[in-house]
């Protein structure tokens, strides 16, 4: 039996207020608040990720890390009759919160794993999604997480990523967001400084399609496994 994943120190130290403490879960599990945090863009970004994955999802789908709001319930609605959805998270409290949202959805399995060490077989999933996850990770963890996502997806399969991006110079929220992220989400500024490809394996030859949203503050990428 695989040993239970330990909660990383960086997560406890940096994000205790957002994901780890029970009061945080009770506070942030509100659809309107999630939308407010994303300046009214949650639905647009959610649907961009879902549409990149597909309308009816056959085979195996993997979501890396739980998400506040209705992202996963909407994703579960797209799982076809012969499809399955696995959701991994390193925090048991987040998995319990998601189970409460999903109810008894039999096609969805919740698995206690670390995103940087998934432990699944190579090329075992048809598609993988990372929705606002990379900005929460130090560089070394982010690099391992992307390598794991690419490792477990089948050749020709997709890794869909939605996250922050450096906004245009004229964006009215450019300086407020720099202040907010710098104090509350210090790893997020990496996504302003470098493209996602910078954290992929050096020998990666995957094709990447990118689109930005809301004046460049957010990005959606579709990485097709070579």
Protein backbone atom coordinates (compact mmCIF):
# COMPACT_ATOMS: atom_id res chain seq x y z
CA UNK A 1 0.00 0.00 0.00
CA UNK A 2 1.27 3.48 -0.92
CA UNK A 3 2.27 5.59 2.08
CA UNK A 4 0.01 8.59 2.74
CA UNK A 5 1.31 11.84 1.29
CA UNK A 6 2.68 14.29 3.84
CA UNK A 7 1.46 17.87 3.74
CA UNK A 8 4.35 19.98 2.35
CA UNK A 9 5.84 22.61 4.64
CA UNK A 10 5.46 25.37 2.05
CA UNK A 11 1.71 24.74 1.92
CA UNK A 12 1.31 24.98 5.68
CA UNK A 13 3.56 28.02 5.98
CA UNK A 14 2.17 29.99 3.04
CA UNK A 15 -1.42 28.85 2.55
CA UNK A 16 -2.69 27.87 6.01
CA UNK A 17 -5.16 30.76 5.73
CA UNK A 18 -6.59 29.62 2.39
CA UNK A 19 -6.62 25.82 2.26
CA UNK A 20 -5.34 24.12 5.41
CA UNK A 21 -7.38 25.48 8.32
CA UNK A 22 -11.03 24.33 8.62
CA UNK A 23 -12.16 27.94 8.94
CA UNK A 24 -10.47 28.70 5.62
CA UNK A 25 -12.48 26.00 3.87
CA UNK A 26 -15.72 27.28 5.37
CA UNK A 27 -14.86 30.83 4.31
CA UNK A 28 -13.66 30.28 0.77
CA UNK A 29 -16.12 27.62 -0.34
CA UNK A 30 -18.50 30.24 -1.67
CA UNK A 31 -19.14 30.61 -5.38
CA UNK A 32 -19.55 34.39 -5.24
CA UNK A 33 -16.29 34.80 -3.31
CA UNK A 34 -14.28 32.68 -5.73
CA UNK A 35 -15.67 34.77 -8.58
CA UNK A 36 -14.82 37.98 -6.73
CA UNK A 37 -11.22 36.85 -6.15
CA UNK A 38 -10.90 36.38 -9.91
CA UNK A 39 -12.47 39.78 -10.62
CA UNK A 40 -15.63 38.26 -12.06
CA UNK A 41 -13.78 35.89 -14.41
CA UNK A 42 -14.37 32.53 -12.72
CA UNK A 43 -17.07 31.33 -15.11
CA UNK A 44 -15.12 32.35 -18.21
CA UNK A 45 -11.93 30.65 -17.01
CA UNK A 46 -13.77 27.58 -15.77
CA UNK A 47 -15.52 27.14 -19.10
CA UNK A 48 -12.28 27.71 -21.03
CA UNK A 49 -10.69 24.81 -19.16
CA UNK A 50 -13.72 22.56 -19.53
CA UNK A 51 -14.10 23.27 -23.24
CA UNK A 52 -10.41 22.54 -23.79
CA UNK A 53 -10.93 19.15 -22.18
CA UNK A 54 -13.99 18.31 -24.27
CA UNK A 55 -17.77 18.13 -24.16
CA UNK A 56 -18.19 14.43 -23.39
CA UNK A 57 -15.12 12.89 -21.77
CA UNK A 58 -14.46 9.22 -22.39
CA UNK A 59 -11.55 7.36 -20.84
CA UNK A 60 -9.68 8.61 -17.78
CA UNK A 61 -9.50 12.23 -16.67
CA UNK A 62 -7.25 13.51 -13.88
CA UNK A 63 -7.71 16.76 -11.97
CA UNK A 64 -4.63 17.71 -9.98
CA UNK A 65 -5.72 19.50 -6.77
CA UNK A 66 -9.17 20.46 -5.54
CA UNK A 67 -10.72 23.80 -6.41
CA UNK A 68 -13.16 26.01 -4.55
CA UNK A 69 -16.38 26.70 -6.42
CA UNK A 70 -18.20 24.50 -8.92
CA UNK A 71 -15.31 23.63 -11.24
CA UNK A 72 -15.19 19.93 -10.34
CA UNK A 73 -18.98 19.38 -10.26
CA UNK A 74 -19.16 20.90 -13.75
CA UNK A 75 -16.25 18.74 -14.87
CA UNK A 76 -17.97 15.65 -13.47
CA UNK A 77 -21.04 16.46 -15.58
CA UNK A 78 -18.92 16.01 -18.72
CA UNK A 79 -17.65 12.55 -17.83
CA UNK A 80 -19.19 10.10 -20.29
CA UNK A 81 -20.86 6.78 -19.50
CA UNK A 82 -17.55 4.95 -19.85
CA UNK A 83 -15.39 7.70 -18.45
CA UNK A 84 -13.91 8.27 -15.01
CA UNK A 85 -12.56 11.27 -13.13
CA UNK A 86 -9.81 11.07 -10.51
CA UNK A 87 -9.09 14.12 -8.32
CA UNK A 88 -5.89 14.18 -6.27
CA UNK A 89 -4.99 16.51 -3.42
CA UNK A 90 -2.36 16.46 -0.69
CA UNK A 91 -4.80 17.94 1.86
CA UNK A 92 -7.39 15.53 3.31
CA UNK A 93 -9.56 18.49 4.33
CA UNK A 94 -9.82 19.58 0.70
CA UNK A 95 -10.79 16.08 -0.42
CA UNK A 96 -13.47 15.94 2.27
CA UNK A 97 -14.81 19.32 1.18
CA UNK A 98 -14.98 18.18 -2.44
CA UNK A 99 -16.75 14.95 -1.49
CA UNK A 100 -19.41 17.02 0.25
CA UNK A 101 -19.91 19.01 -2.96
CA UNK A 102 -20.03 15.97 -5.24
CA UNK A 103 -22.19 13.69 -3.11
CA UNK A 104 -22.31 10.07 -4.25
CA UNK A 105 -20.95 10.57 -7.78
CA UNK A 106 -19.65 7.07 -8.55
CA UNK A 107 -17.51 8.02 -11.53
CA UNK A 108 -15.37 10.38 -9.46
CA UNK A 109 -12.59 9.05 -7.22
CA UNK A 110 -10.85 11.28 -4.67
CA UNK A 111 -7.25 10.26 -4.00
CA UNK A 112 -4.81 11.51 -1.37
CA UNK A 113 -1.64 12.21 -3.37
CA UNK A 114 1.00 14.88 -3.77
CA UNK A 115 0.89 16.63 -7.15
CA UNK A 116 4.70 16.43 -7.34
CA UNK A 117 4.68 12.64 -6.84
CA UNK A 118 1.47 11.22 -8.28
CA UNK A 119 2.51 7.59 -8.22
CA UNK A 120 0.33 6.63 -11.21
CA UNK A 121 1.61 4.61 -14.15
CA UNK A 122 3.11 6.33 -17.17
CA UNK A 123 0.60 7.29 -19.89
CA UNK A 124 -2.35 6.19 -17.78
CA UNK A 125 -4.69 9.17 -18.35
CA UNK A 126 -6.31 10.59 -21.45
CA UNK A 127 -6.26 14.15 -20.12
CA UNK A 128 -5.07 16.13 -17.09
CA UNK A 129 -6.22 19.51 -15.79
CA UNK A 130 -4.46 21.93 -13.43
CA UNK A 131 -6.80 24.79 -12.55
CA UNK A 132 -5.09 27.62 -10.65
CA UNK A 133 -2.52 25.31 -9.07
CA UNK A 134 0.92 26.25 -10.41
CA UNK A 135 0.96 29.72 -8.85
CA UNK A 136 0.65 28.14 -5.39
CA UNK A 137 3.90 26.21 -5.69
CA UNK A 138 7.59 27.00 -5.28
CA UNK A 139 9.55 26.62 -8.48
CA UNK A 140 10.98 23.17 -7.69
CA UNK A 141 7.55 21.77 -6.79
CA UNK A 142 5.98 23.36 -9.86
CA UNK A 143 8.62 21.75 -12.07
CA UNK A 144 7.99 18.31 -10.58
CA UNK A 145 4.22 18.75 -10.86
CA UNK A 146 4.38 19.58 -14.56
CA UNK A 147 6.73 16.67 -15.18
CA UNK A 148 4.29 14.36 -13.40
CA UNK A 149 1.30 15.68 -15.36
CA UNK A 150 3.12 15.10 -18.65
CA UNK A 151 4.31 11.68 -17.54
CA UNK A 152 0.89 10.30 -16.70
CA UNK A 153 -0.93 11.60 -19.79
CA UNK A 154 -1.02 9.42 -22.89
CA UNK A 155 0.75 10.43 -26.12
CA UNK A 156 -1.64 12.71 -27.96
CA UNK A 157 -3.45 13.50 -24.72
CA UNK A 158 -3.87 16.97 -23.28
CA UNK A 159 -2.72 18.77 -20.17
CA UNK A 160 -4.95 21.82 -19.66
CA UNK A 161 -3.62 24.60 -17.44
CA UNK A 162 -5.38 27.76 -16.27
CA UNK A 163 -3.55 30.22 -14.05
CA UNK A 164 -2.26 33.74 -13.60
CA UNK A 165 -0.28 35.58 -16.27
CA UNK A 166 1.49 38.93 -16.49
CA UNK A 167 -1.12 41.57 -17.39
CA UNK A 168 -0.69 44.18 -20.07
CA UNK A 169 1.21 47.34 -19.02
CA UNK A 170 -1.98 49.41 -19.19
CA UNK A 171 -4.05 47.04 -17.05
CA UNK A 172 -5.67 48.99 -14.17
CA UNK A 173 -5.16 46.04 -11.81
CA UNK A 174 -1.50 45.54 -12.65
CA UNK A 175 -0.13 47.26 -9.55
CA UNK A 176 -2.89 46.20 -7.13
CA UNK A 177 -2.42 42.57 -8.21
CA UNK A 178 1.35 42.84 -7.84
CA UNK A 179 0.81 43.98 -4.25
CA UNK A 180 -1.83 41.31 -3.49
CA UNK A 181 0.12 38.42 -4.97
CA UNK A 182 3.39 39.59 -3.50
CA UNK A 183 1.97 39.45 0.01
CA UNK A 184 -0.53 36.62 -0.09
CA UNK A 185 0.69 34.35 -2.90
CA UNK A 186 4.44 34.92 -3.26
CA UNK A 187 5.05 32.09 -5.74
CA UNK A 188 2.51 33.53 -8.18
CA UNK A 189 4.85 36.25 -9.42
CA UNK A 190 6.87 33.54 -11.17
CA UNK A 191 4.02 33.35 -13.70
CA UNK A 192 4.50 37.03 -14.45
CA UNK A 193 8.21 36.55 -15.06
CA UNK A 194 8.38 33.30 -17.05
CA UNK A 195 6.28 31.21 -19.42
CA UNK A 196 4.94 27.85 -18.24
CA UNK A 197 7.30 26.07 -20.63
CA UNK A 198 10.19 27.26 -18.44
CA UNK A 199 9.15 24.71 -15.79
CA UNK A 200 8.54 21.80 -18.15
CA UNK A 201 11.18 19.08 -18.62
CA UNK A 202 14.15 20.31 -20.66
CA UNK A 203 13.58 17.67 -23.34
CA UNK A 204 9.84 18.31 -23.64
CA UNK A 205 8.65 18.63 -27.23
CA UNK A 206 4.96 19.12 -26.50
CA UNK A 207 2.90 21.54 -28.57
CA UNK A 208 1.44 24.39 -26.52
CA UNK A 209 -1.55 26.53 -27.46
CA UNK A 210 -2.00 29.59 -25.24
CA UNK A 211 -4.72 32.18 -24.82
CA UNK A 212 -4.83 35.05 -22.34
CA UNK A 213 -7.86 36.62 -20.69
CA UNK A 214 -8.85 39.84 -18.96
CA UNK A 215 -6.07 41.98 -20.33
CA UNK A 216 -3.50 39.23 -19.90
CA UNK A 217 -4.02 38.71 -16.15
CA UNK A 218 -4.99 35.07 -16.74
CA UNK A 219 -3.89 32.40 -19.18
CA UNK A 220 -5.20 29.10 -20.46
CA UNK A 221 -2.83 26.59 -22.06
CA UNK A 222 -3.47 23.33 -23.85
CA UNK A 223 -0.34 21.17 -23.85
CA UNK A 224 -0.55 18.22 -26.24
CA UNK A 225 1.69 15.33 -25.25
CA UNK A 226 4.15 14.38 -27.95
